[in-house]
Protein backbone atom coordinates (compact mmCIF):
# COMPACT_ATOMS: atom_id res chain seq x y z
CA UNK A 1 55.91 -9.64 61.72
CA UNK A 2 55.21 -12.19 58.98
CA UNK A 3 52.18 -13.47 60.88
CA UNK A 4 50.78 -9.93 61.25
CA UNK A 5 51.32 -9.26 57.54
CA UNK A 6 49.47 -12.45 56.59
CA UNK A 7 46.62 -11.47 58.91
CA UNK A 8 46.33 -8.04 57.28
CA UNK A 9 46.43 -9.48 53.76
CA UNK A 10 43.86 -12.12 54.68
CA UNK A 11 41.60 -9.46 56.18
CA UNK A 12 41.93 -7.35 53.02
CA UNK A 13 40.96 -10.29 50.81
CA UNK A 14 37.92 -11.05 52.98
CA UNK A 15 36.90 -7.39 52.93
CA UNK A 16 37.07 -7.19 49.13
CA UNK A 17 34.98 -10.35 48.77
CA UNK A 18 32.40 -9.02 51.22
CA UNK A 19 32.19 -5.70 49.35
CA UNK A 20 31.46 -7.61 46.14
CA UNK A 21 28.69 -9.51 47.95
CA UNK A 22 27.30 -6.19 49.28
CA UNK A 23 27.23 -4.77 45.75
CA UNK A 24 25.55 -7.91 44.49
CA UNK A 25 22.73 -7.72 47.06
CA UNK A 26 22.63 -3.90 46.80
CA UNK A 27 23.42 -3.01 50.39
CA UNK A 28 25.78 -0.13 51.18
CA UNK A 29 29.10 -1.78 51.94
CA UNK A 30 29.72 -0.01 55.32
CA UNK A 31 26.52 -1.57 56.69
CA UNK A 32 27.25 -5.01 55.29
CA UNK A 33 30.85 -4.98 56.54
CA UNK A 34 29.80 -4.11 60.10
CA UNK A 35 27.26 -6.96 60.12
CA UNK A 36 29.77 -9.36 58.53
CA UNK A 37 32.49 -8.36 60.97
CA UNK A 38 30.10 -8.96 63.84
CA UNK A 39 29.34 -12.45 62.56
CA UNK A 40 33.00 -13.30 61.88
CA UNK A 41 34.00 -12.21 65.39
CA UNK A 42 31.97 -15.07 66.92
CA UNK A 43 33.57 -17.79 64.78
CA UNK A 44 35.80 -19.94 67.05
CA UNK A 45 39.52 -19.56 66.38
CA UNK A 46 39.29 -16.24 64.55
CA UNK A 47 42.29 -14.08 65.57
CA UNK A 48 41.46 -11.04 67.70
CA UNK A 49 41.48 -7.73 65.87
CA UNK A 50 41.92 -4.78 68.22
CA UNK A 51 41.30 -1.20 67.15
CA UNK A 52 44.07 1.16 68.21
CA UNK A 53 42.54 4.66 68.49
CA UNK A 54 45.91 6.28 67.78
CA UNK A 55 46.08 4.42 64.47
CA UNK A 56 42.56 5.59 63.58
CA UNK A 57 43.25 9.25 64.33
CA UNK A 58 46.78 9.43 62.94
CA UNK A 59 46.66 7.03 59.98
CA UNK A 60 43.07 6.74 58.75
CA UNK A 61 41.29 10.00 59.64
CA UNK A 62 43.48 12.64 57.87
CA UNK A 63 43.28 11.22 54.31
CA UNK A 64 39.59 10.32 54.66
CA UNK A 65 38.70 13.89 55.72
CA UNK A 66 41.02 15.39 53.10
CA UNK A 67 39.43 13.41 50.29
CA UNK A 68 35.93 14.37 51.49
CA UNK A 69 36.95 18.05 51.62
CA UNK A 70 38.51 17.81 48.15
CA UNK A 71 35.28 16.67 46.54
CA UNK A 72 33.17 19.23 48.40
CA UNK A 73 32.22 22.25 46.30
CA UNK A 74 33.39 25.38 48.13
CA UNK A 75 30.65 27.43 46.46
CA UNK A 76 27.94 25.01 47.59
CA UNK A 77 29.53 24.69 51.04
CA UNK A 78 29.50 28.46 51.50
CA UNK A 79 25.96 28.82 50.14
CA UNK A 80 24.59 26.40 52.73
CA UNK A 81 26.94 27.42 55.54
CA UNK A 82 24.08 28.25 57.93
CA UNK A 83 22.44 24.78 58.05
CA UNK A 84 25.88 23.12 57.95
CA UNK A 85 27.06 25.18 60.95
CA UNK A 86 23.85 24.52 62.91
CA UNK A 87 24.23 20.78 62.31
CA UNK A 88 28.00 20.44 62.72
CA UNK A 89 28.28 22.75 65.74
CA UNK A 90 24.82 23.39 67.17
CA UNK A 91 23.47 19.85 66.90
CA UNK A 92 26.68 18.35 68.31
CA UNK A 93 26.40 20.58 71.41
CA UNK A 94 22.65 19.94 71.79
CA UNK A 95 23.04 16.17 71.36
CA UNK A 96 25.95 16.10 73.83
CA UNK A 97 23.89 18.05 76.39
CA UNK A 98 20.74 15.92 76.06
CA UNK A 99 22.75 12.69 76.24
CA UNK A 100 24.67 14.03 79.25
CA UNK A 101 21.61 14.87 81.34
CA UNK A 102 19.66 11.78 80.25
CA UNK A 103 22.52 9.38 81.02
CA UNK A 104 22.91 10.77 84.56
CA UNK A 105 19.28 9.85 85.21
CA UNK A 106 19.40 6.56 83.33
CA UNK A 107 22.68 5.11 84.65
CA UNK A 108 23.21 4.97 88.44
CA UNK A 109 26.40 6.77 89.50
CA UNK A 110 26.94 8.41 86.12
CA UNK A 111 28.17 12.01 86.56
CA UNK A 112 27.41 14.97 84.30
CA UNK A 113 31.04 15.09 83.12
CA UNK A 114 30.82 11.42 82.08
CA UNK A 115 27.55 12.23 80.34
CA UNK A 116 29.17 14.97 78.26
CA UNK A 117 32.03 12.60 77.53
CA UNK A 118 29.56 10.05 76.15
CA UNK A 119 27.65 12.78 74.31
CA UNK A 120 30.80 14.08 72.64
CA UNK A 121 31.67 10.56 71.52
CA UNK A 122 28.34 9.65 69.88
CA UNK A 123 27.19 13.06 68.62
CA UNK A 124 28.89 13.17 65.17
CA UNK A 125 27.44 11.18 62.24
CA UNK A 126 29.96 9.33 60.10
CA UNK A 127 31.41 11.07 57.05
CA UNK A 128 31.32 8.01 54.81
CA UNK A 129 28.22 6.07 55.86
CA UNK A 130 25.62 8.61 54.68
CA UNK A 131 27.32 9.38 51.36
CA UNK A 132 27.77 5.66 50.62
CA UNK A 133 24.14 4.86 51.43
CA UNK A 134 22.95 7.82 49.32
CA UNK A 135 25.20 6.92 46.38
CA UNK A 136 23.03 6.30 43.35
CA UNK A 137 19.89 7.53 45.13
CA UNK A 138 17.92 10.45 43.73
CA UNK A 139 18.32 13.14 46.38
CA UNK A 140 18.40 16.94 45.97
CA UNK A 141 21.79 18.56 45.54
CA UNK A 142 21.08 20.73 48.59
CA UNK A 143 20.55 17.65 50.75
CA UNK A 144 23.80 15.95 49.77
CA UNK A 145 25.78 19.21 50.12
CA UNK A 146 24.49 19.82 53.66
CA UNK A 147 25.20 16.23 54.74
CA UNK A 148 28.70 16.30 53.25
CA UNK A 149 29.45 19.70 54.79
CA UNK A 150 28.19 18.59 58.20
CA UNK A 151 30.38 15.47 58.17
CA UNK A 152 33.48 17.58 57.44
CA UNK A 153 33.15 19.76 60.54
CA UNK A 154 31.24 17.74 63.15
CA UNK A 155 34.19 15.50 64.04
CA UNK A 156 36.14 18.58 65.12
CA UNK A 157 33.36 19.95 67.34
CA UNK A 158 32.62 16.57 68.93
CA UNK A 159 36.30 15.89 69.67
CA UNK A 160 36.59 19.30 71.34
CA UNK A 161 33.56 18.48 73.54
CA UNK A 162 35.19 15.14 74.34
CA UNK A 163 38.47 16.82 75.34
CA UNK A 164 36.78 19.31 77.66
CA UNK A 165 34.70 16.58 79.31
CA UNK A 166 37.84 14.48 79.80
CA UNK A 167 39.68 17.46 81.27
CA UNK A 168 36.81 18.08 83.69
CA UNK A 169 36.92 14.46 84.89
CA UNK A 170 40.66 14.69 85.54
CA UNK A 171 40.66 18.15 87.19
CA UNK A 172 37.22 18.21 88.77
CA UNK A 173 36.61 21.80 87.57
CA UNK A 174 34.76 23.28 84.61
CA UNK A 175 34.20 26.86 83.39
CA UNK A 176 31.67 27.44 80.62
CA UNK A 177 33.26 30.77 79.64
CA UNK A 178 36.72 29.25 79.37
CA UNK A 179 35.36 26.23 77.49
CA UNK A 180 33.54 28.35 74.88
CA UNK A 181 36.56 30.60 74.39
CA UNK A 182 38.93 27.66 74.09
CA UNK A 183 36.53 25.94 71.69
CA UNK A 184 36.78 28.76 69.16
CA UNK A 185 40.54 29.14 69.67
CA UNK A 186 41.18 25.44 69.03
CA UNK A 187 38.89 25.31 65.98
CA UNK A 188 39.93 28.72 64.59
CA UNK A 189 43.65 28.14 64.92
CA UNK A 190 43.21 24.72 63.31
CA UNK A 191 41.75 26.50 60.27
CA UNK A 192 44.66 28.98 60.24
CA UNK A 193 47.25 26.18 60.38
CA UNK A 194 45.46 24.28 57.61
CA UNK A 195 45.32 27.25 55.23
CA UNK A 196 48.91 28.33 55.90
CA UNK A 197 50.34 24.87 55.24
CA UNK A 198 48.04 24.41 52.24
CA UNK A 199 49.70 27.50 50.72
CA UNK A 200 53.07 25.76 51.14
CA UNK A 201 51.89 22.69 49.22
CA UNK A 202 50.23 24.93 46.64
CA UNK A 203 53.64 26.49 45.92
CA UNK A 204 55.27 23.05 45.70
CA UNK A 205 52.70 21.74 43.21
CA UNK A 206 52.58 24.88 41.09
CA UNK A 207 56.16 26.06 40.86
CA UNK A 208 58.39 22.99 41.32
CA UNK A 209 59.07 20.56 38.43
CA UNK A 210 56.80 17.77 39.69
CA UNK A 211 55.63 14.71 37.77
CA UNK A 212 52.20 13.00 38.02
CA UNK A 213 53.69 10.44 40.45
CA UNK A 214 55.29 13.16 42.60
CA UNK A 215 52.06 15.20 42.64
CA UNK A 216 50.08 12.15 43.76
CA UNK A 217 52.61 11.45 46.51
CA UNK A 218 52.45 15.03 47.78
CA UNK A 219 48.64 14.90 47.92
CA UNK A 220 48.92 11.87 50.22
CA UNK A 221 51.53 13.58 52.41
CA UNK A 222 49.52 16.81 52.71
CA UNK A 223 46.69 15.72 55.08
CA UNK A 224 49.16 14.09 57.49
CA UNK A 225 51.31 17.22 57.66
CA UNK A 226 48.23 19.41 58.22
CA UNK A 227 46.82 17.14 60.94
CA UNK A 228 50.04 16.46 62.84
CA UNK A 229 51.15 20.10 62.81
CA UNK A 230 47.84 21.35 64.21
CA UNK A 231 47.70 18.62 66.85
CA UNK A 232 51.31 19.36 67.86
CA UNK A 233 50.23 22.86 68.88
CA UNK A 234 47.05 21.50 70.53
CA UNK A 235 44.76 22.90 67.83
CA UNK A 236 42.13 21.00 65.86
CA UNK A 237 43.80 18.67 63.39
CA UNK A 238 40.39 17.93 61.85
CA UNK A 239 39.75 21.60 61.05
CA UNK A 240 43.28 21.93 59.66
CA UNK A 241 42.74 19.03 57.25
CA UNK A 242 39.28 20.21 56.20
CA UNK A 243 40.29 23.84 55.61
CA UNK A 244 43.47 22.81 53.80
CA UNK A 245 41.55 20.33 51.65
CA UNK A 246 38.94 22.92 50.69
CA UNK A 247 41.67 25.42 49.79
CA UNK A 248 43.65 22.95 47.67
CA UNK A 249 40.50 21.76 45.93
CA UNK A 250 39.47 25.33 45.09
CA UNK A 251 42.92 26.02 43.56
CA UNK A 252 43.35 22.61 41.93
CA UNK A 253 42.88 23.97 38.40
CA UNK A 254 46.03 26.07 38.93
CA UNK A 255 48.29 23.33 40.28
CA UNK A 256 47.27 20.17 38.40
CA UNK A 257 47.59 21.27 34.80
CA UNK A 258 47.77 17.96 32.91
CA UNK A 259 45.17 15.28 32.35
CA UNK A 260 47.68 12.56 33.20
CA UNK A 261 48.23 14.07 36.66
CA UNK A 262 44.51 14.17 37.40
CA UNK A 263 43.78 10.67 36.08
CA UNK A 264 46.73 9.26 38.02
CA UNK A 265 45.60 10.83 41.31
CA UNK A 266 42.01 9.72 40.88
CA UNK A 267 43.15 6.09 40.73
CA UNK A 268 45.49 6.46 43.70
CA UNK A 269 42.96 8.21 45.95
CA UNK A 270 39.94 6.09 45.08
CA UNK A 271 41.87 2.93 45.90
CA UNK A 272 43.37 4.35 49.10
CA UNK A 273 40.14 5.73 50.56
CA UNK A 274 38.04 2.75 49.57
CA UNK A 275 40.49 0.34 51.22
CA UNK A 276 40.73 2.43 54.39
CA UNK A 277 36.96 2.77 54.77
CA UNK A 278 36.34 -0.91 54.13
CA UNK A 279 38.90 -1.95 56.75
CA UNK A 280 37.49 0.47 59.32
CA UNK A 281 33.90 -0.69 58.99
CA UNK A 282 34.68 -4.40 59.24
CA UNK A 283 36.87 -3.71 62.28
CA UNK A 284 33.87 -2.13 64.03
CA UNK A 285 32.13 -5.51 63.91
CA UNK A 286 35.29 -7.46 64.76
CA UNK A 287 35.81 -5.32 67.88
CA UNK A 288 32.61 -6.54 69.63
CA UNK A 289 34.11 -9.49 71.60
CA UNK A 290 36.76 -7.17 73.06
CA UNK A 291 34.07 -4.65 74.00
CA UNK A 292 31.89 -7.31 75.66
CA UNK A 293 34.81 -8.69 77.69
CA UNK A 294 35.44 -5.23 79.04
CA UNK A 295 31.94 -4.78 80.46
CA UNK A 296 32.93 -6.26 83.80
CA UNK A 297 30.17 -6.01 86.41
CA UNK A 298 27.58 -4.54 84.03
CA UNK A 299 25.46 -7.23 82.39
CA UNK A 300 25.20 -7.39 78.61
CA UNK A 301 21.41 -7.05 78.79
CA UNK A 302 21.66 -3.92 80.92
CA UNK A 303 24.30 -2.47 78.60
CA UNK A 304 22.10 -3.14 75.57
CA UNK A 305 19.16 -1.44 77.29
CA UNK A 306 21.25 1.67 77.97
CA UNK A 307 22.51 1.62 74.39
CA UNK A 308 19.01 1.33 72.90
CA UNK A 309 17.70 4.25 74.97
CA UNK A 310 20.68 6.46 74.08
CA UNK A 311 20.32 5.46 70.40
CA UNK A 312 16.66 6.48 70.45
CA UNK A 313 17.62 9.81 72.03
CA UNK A 314 20.24 10.72 69.40
CA UNK A 315 17.84 9.79 66.58
CA UNK A 316 14.93 11.81 67.99
CA UNK A 317 17.07 14.83 68.92
CA UNK A 318 18.44 15.03 65.38
CA UNK A 319 14.98 14.94 63.78
CA UNK A 320 13.59 17.49 66.25
CA UNK A 321 16.56 19.78 65.56
CA UNK A 322 16.44 19.55 61.76
CA UNK A 323 12.85 20.72 61.19
CA UNK A 324 13.09 24.05 63.10
CA UNK A 325 16.52 24.57 61.49
CA UNK A 326 14.95 24.21 58.04
CA UNK A 327 12.00 26.56 58.57
CA UNK A 328 12.48 28.98 61.50
CA UNK A 329 15.20 31.05 59.73
CA UNK A 330 12.72 31.61 56.86
CA UNK A 331 10.30 33.22 59.30
CA UNK A 332 12.98 35.51 60.70
CA UNK A 333 15.29 36.39 57.81
CA UNK A 334 14.33 37.77 54.40
CA UNK A 335 17.67 36.45 53.02
CA UNK A 336 16.69 32.89 53.99
CA UNK A 337 13.35 33.29 52.23
CA UNK A 338 15.15 33.84 48.91
CA UNK A 339 15.93 30.13 48.82
CA UNK A 340 13.25 27.63 47.84
CA UNK A 341 11.53 26.11 50.87
CA UNK A 342 12.95 22.68 51.74
CA UNK A 343 9.45 21.40 52.54
CA UNK A 344 9.11 18.40 54.83
CA UNK A 345 10.89 15.77 52.74
CA UNK A 346 14.38 17.29 52.65
CA UNK A 347 14.63 17.73 56.47
CA UNK A 348 13.32 14.19 56.93
CA UNK A 349 16.18 12.72 54.86
CA UNK A 350 18.77 14.87 56.65
CA UNK A 351 17.26 13.93 60.00
CA UNK A 352 17.31 10.21 59.23
CA UNK A 353 20.86 10.22 57.80
CA UNK A 354 22.56 10.38 61.20
CA UNK A 355 24.55 7.14 61.04
CA UNK A 356 27.47 6.96 63.48
CA UNK A 357 30.76 5.32 62.56
CA UNK A 358 34.35 4.50 63.34
CA UNK A 359 35.39 7.93 64.66
CA UNK A 360 32.93 7.51 67.54
CA UNK A 361 34.31 4.07 68.40
CA UNK A 362 37.92 5.22 68.14
CA UNK A 363 37.16 8.18 70.41
CA UNK A 364 35.56 5.89 73.00
CA UNK A 365 38.53 3.49 72.89
CA UNK A 366 40.91 6.43 73.44
CA UNK A 367 39.50 7.01 76.94
CA UNK A 368 42.35 6.44 79.45
CA UNK A 369 42.12 3.36 81.64
CA UNK A 370 42.94 5.24 84.87
CA UNK A 371 42.29 8.73 86.25
CA UNK A 372 45.31 8.47 88.52
CA UNK A 373 47.40 5.72 90.05
CA UNK A 374 44.81 4.73 92.65
CA UNK A 375 41.63 5.13 90.58
CA UNK A 376 40.43 3.39 87.41
CA UNK A 377 38.50 5.49 84.90
CA UNK A 378 34.81 5.18 85.92
CA UNK A 379 32.37 3.48 83.52
CA UNK A 380 34.97 3.32 80.74
CA UNK A 381 33.92 -0.11 79.46
CA UNK A 382 30.22 0.73 79.67
CA UNK A 383 30.77 3.93 77.63
CA UNK A 384 32.57 1.91 74.95
CA UNK A 385 29.77 -0.68 74.88
CA UNK A 386 27.03 1.98 74.63
CA UNK A 387 28.99 3.63 71.81
CA UNK A 388 29.10 0.32 69.95
CA UNK A 389 25.33 -0.16 70.34
CA UNK A 390 24.63 3.39 69.08
CA UNK A 391 26.88 2.83 66.05
CA UNK A 392 25.24 -0.50 65.27
CA UNK A 393 21.66 0.77 65.65
CA UNK A 394 22.12 3.99 63.68
CA UNK A 395 24.34 2.50 60.98
CA UNK A 396 22.40 -0.71 60.35
CA UNK A 397 18.81 0.29 61.14
CA UNK A 398 18.88 3.82 59.73
CA UNK A 399 21.28 2.87 56.94
CA UNK A 400 19.06 0.05 55.67
CA UNK A 401 15.83 2.05 55.94
CA UNK A 402 17.15 5.33 54.45
CA UNK A 403 16.97 4.12 50.80
CA UNK A 404 13.45 2.80 51.44
CA UNK A 405 12.47 6.16 52.94
CA UNK A 406 13.80 8.07 49.91
CA UNK A 407 11.86 5.82 47.52
CA UNK A 408 8.70 6.12 49.61
CA UNK A 409 8.59 9.93 49.82
CA UNK A 410 9.63 10.37 46.14
CA UNK A 411 11.64 13.53 46.67
CA UNK A 412 12.44 15.79 43.73
CA UNK A 413 15.15 18.40 43.22
CA UNK A 414 14.37 21.42 45.41
CA UNK A 415 16.41 24.15 43.77
CA UNK A 416 16.39 25.09 40.07
CA UNK A 417 19.40 22.98 39.09
CA UNK A 418 20.01 21.79 35.53
CA UNK A 419 20.58 18.07 35.04
CA UNK A 420 24.12 16.75 34.77
CA UNK A 421 23.61 16.03 31.06
CA UNK A 422 22.40 19.56 30.34
CA UNK A 423 25.27 21.12 32.24
CA UNK A 424 27.81 18.97 30.39
CA UNK A 425 26.29 20.00 27.07
CA UNK A 426 26.54 23.67 28.06
CA UNK A 427 30.17 23.26 29.17
CA UNK A 428 31.10 21.42 25.98
CA UNK A 429 29.41 24.09 23.83
CA UNK A 430 31.62 26.77 25.39
CA UNK A 431 34.76 24.63 25.01
CA UNK A 432 33.99 23.83 21.37
CA UNK A 433 33.36 27.51 20.65
CA UNK A 434 36.74 28.41 22.19
CA UNK A 435 38.45 25.81 19.96
CA UNK A 436 36.61 27.00 16.83
CA UNK A 437 37.42 30.68 17.50
CA UNK A 438 41.10 29.83 18.00
CA UNK A 439 41.25 27.86 14.76
CA UNK A 440 39.57 30.58 12.71
CA UNK A 441 41.61 33.39 14.25
CA UNK A 442 45.10 31.93 13.86
CA UNK A 443 44.82 29.08 11.39
CA UNK A 444 42.27 30.10 8.76
CA UNK A 445 44.65 29.39 5.88
CA UNK A 446 45.86 26.16 7.43
CA UNK A 447 42.28 24.89 7.68
CA UNK A 448 42.01 24.94 3.91
CA UNK A 449 45.40 23.32 3.34
CA UNK A 450 45.52 20.80 6.20
CA UNK A 451 43.03 17.92 6.02
CA UNK A 452 43.32 17.19 9.76
CA UNK A 453 42.49 20.77 10.73
CA UNK A 454 39.69 20.82 8.16
CA UNK A 455 38.15 17.71 9.69
CA UNK A 456 38.53 19.15 13.20
CA UNK A 457 36.81 22.38 12.16
CA UNK A 458 33.95 20.41 10.59
CA UNK A 459 33.52 18.31 13.73
CA UNK A 460 33.42 21.46 15.87
CA UNK A 461 30.76 22.97 13.58
CA UNK A 462 28.70 19.77 13.79
CA UNK A 463 29.10 19.60 17.57
CA UNK A 464 28.04 23.23 18.02
CA UNK A 465 24.96 22.66 15.87
CA UNK A 466 23.96 19.59 17.91
CA UNK A 467 24.64 21.33 21.22
CA UNK A 468 22.62 24.39 20.19
CA UNK A 469 19.75 22.14 19.14
CA UNK A 470 19.88 20.40 22.50
CA UNK A 471 19.98 23.62 24.49
CA UNK A 472 17.14 25.30 22.57
CA UNK A 473 14.85 22.31 22.14
CA UNK A 474 14.56 20.84 25.63
CA UNK A 475 11.56 18.71 24.61
CA UNK A 476 14.00 16.50 22.72
CA UNK A 477 16.05 15.86 25.86
CA UNK A 478 14.73 12.37 26.61
CA UNK A 479 15.16 11.22 23.02
CA UNK A 480 18.67 12.70 22.82
CA UNK A 481 19.57 11.02 26.10
CA UNK A 482 18.43 7.64 24.75
CA UNK A 483 20.46 8.18 21.60
CA UNK A 484 23.49 9.19 23.66
CA UNK A 485 23.16 6.12 25.90
CA UNK A 486 22.93 3.89 22.81
CA UNK A 487 25.95 5.61 21.30
CA UNK A 488 27.97 5.08 24.50
CA UNK A 489 26.90 1.44 24.65
CA UNK A 490 28.08 0.78 21.09
CA UNK A 491 31.38 2.55 21.81
CA UNK A 492 31.86 0.41 24.93
CA UNK A 493 31.36 -2.76 22.85
CA UNK A 494 33.84 -1.48 20.27
CA UNK A 495 36.42 -0.79 22.97
CA UNK A 496 36.03 -4.35 24.30
CA UNK A 497 36.68 -5.78 20.84
CA UNK A 498 39.67 -3.49 20.40
CA UNK A 499 41.10 -4.71 23.70
CA UNK A 500 40.74 -8.30 22.53
CA UNK A 501 42.55 -7.32 19.33
CA UNK A 502 45.40 -5.87 21.40
CA UNK A 503 45.60 -9.14 23.36
CA UNK A 504 45.89 -11.07 20.10
CA UNK A 505 48.60 -8.68 18.87
CA UNK A 506 50.55 -9.33 22.07
CA UNK A 507 50.18 -13.10 21.67
CA UNK A 508 51.25 -12.99 18.02
CA UNK A 509 54.11 -10.58 18.84
CA UNK A 510 53.14 -8.32 15.97
CA UNK A 511 54.29 -5.17 17.77
CA UNK A 512 56.43 -4.31 20.79
CA UNK A 513 55.01 -4.47 24.32
CA UNK A 514 55.71 -0.78 24.83
CA UNK A 515 53.67 0.29 21.79
CA UNK A 516 50.79 -2.01 22.73
CA UNK A 517 50.72 -0.46 26.24
CA UNK A 518 50.53 3.00 24.64
CA UNK A 519 47.54 1.83 22.60
CA UNK A 520 45.92 0.45 25.79
CA UNK A 521 46.42 3.81 27.52
CA UNK A 522 44.76 5.54 24.58
CA UNK A 523 41.78 3.20 24.91
CA UNK A 524 41.67 3.91 28.67
CA UNK A 525 41.31 7.63 28.02
CA UNK A 526 38.58 7.06 25.42
CA UNK A 527 36.64 4.91 27.90
CA UNK A 528 36.96 7.58 30.59
CA UNK A 529 35.31 10.08 28.25
CA UNK A 530 32.13 8.02 28.04
CA UNK A 531 32.15 6.48 31.53
CA UNK A 532 32.73 9.66 33.53
CA UNK A 533 34.99 9.81 36.58
CA UNK A 534 35.91 11.94 39.59
CA UNK A 535 38.30 14.79 38.92
CA UNK A 536 41.18 16.09 41.00
């Protein structure tokens, strides 16, 4: 037990150091961790790290999906539901089918059921890889929304394909009508379970006397309860987590009513999800020696050849699917023509952002070792090896070239969306007006008598004048943005000096530790105002 704990802690320290290196050389950390894990795995004497698929599905997947669903805008998700559905459902089925028929021709003795099994494993892009690679890149809001929405649902559809292919291998029978019907039952009932249980947690958060720590704990419990309950009844745990996460996110303004609760949960969830993702990606690389040992009679060269061909197929199929998806509905439907045309650049980014990840590898590793007592599962080790090659090719090759592609095509915002700065100014104008109206309606006399209220009212008047100037004189936007950036920079320097002053106060024992911590918390909140942060 102690040895295992030391191994985990050592792995965590290595992962954090590697992430810092990745940030330094400006490579998305999932890509760098896979490459680093691959290199570490060949160092003599390095302990074996074996991925347990049950741990991936039960421990890692629910919170990762829940967090992704939480930060997905329901309004944007619903607006772009058509391309999201065609990617998360249609493309998964098409990719699985093309891989299935191609692999039967490519690999001697490979059956169609095994082909669909492989197709179901490698069809879904990873939820984290694309968003991490795109972080900080200038891409249209529509593009990021579609990619995020696809990654929420495609795991569910691919796992259902995988289950049906596995069932066919074990039973030797397959009915397309029964499969399609069962597909919608499994996915649909997963959504029902997710929404029903999300209502339960909504009631807990809203009506029980919770604290910020209790609220944060319940948000961590929620995805596991949603996933395990749905899986217990043989429904889609992925769809339960996604639907429940979307529901809770949409109602979050009703259940998390204090700033302290939101700030507390942001810290908890960012740390949790970052650590989980980092561990998963380095374990992909560390798993290679185990995968190679399992190849058996198939040579490594032959396995790599199969993997390269299948990788090329999944890349090409995605690109060929995305372009008709972007334009054909505009020829058919007048409703689709109301949206601005995506052109050729937006589909190209979506088509190239098909990086596979840890869910594919965990699914492959979950294949049983035997069909029955007298028969080993056919081609199991080869399927796992091909899956690894597809993950490595798509994640590393496409992941490294995607930022270069975005810079090369110089894509601009497609839809008429105001900049983040302009939207924040508009929001703040409304909030300041609400505060000013409330002061003047209920506290007009107090404003004259109370210097604090008088100063607040003056600040609100000044803010409203500046905000109105900004909103009516857009030609001053660049200059105002420069002034704002300078203002934030000076404030950041001031906060640093104030922190040093607090350190000196602590050393000189001028004030109690408790009061100094309160002052530090106040500084934290002031820094958050200028730095910006995710909101629960």
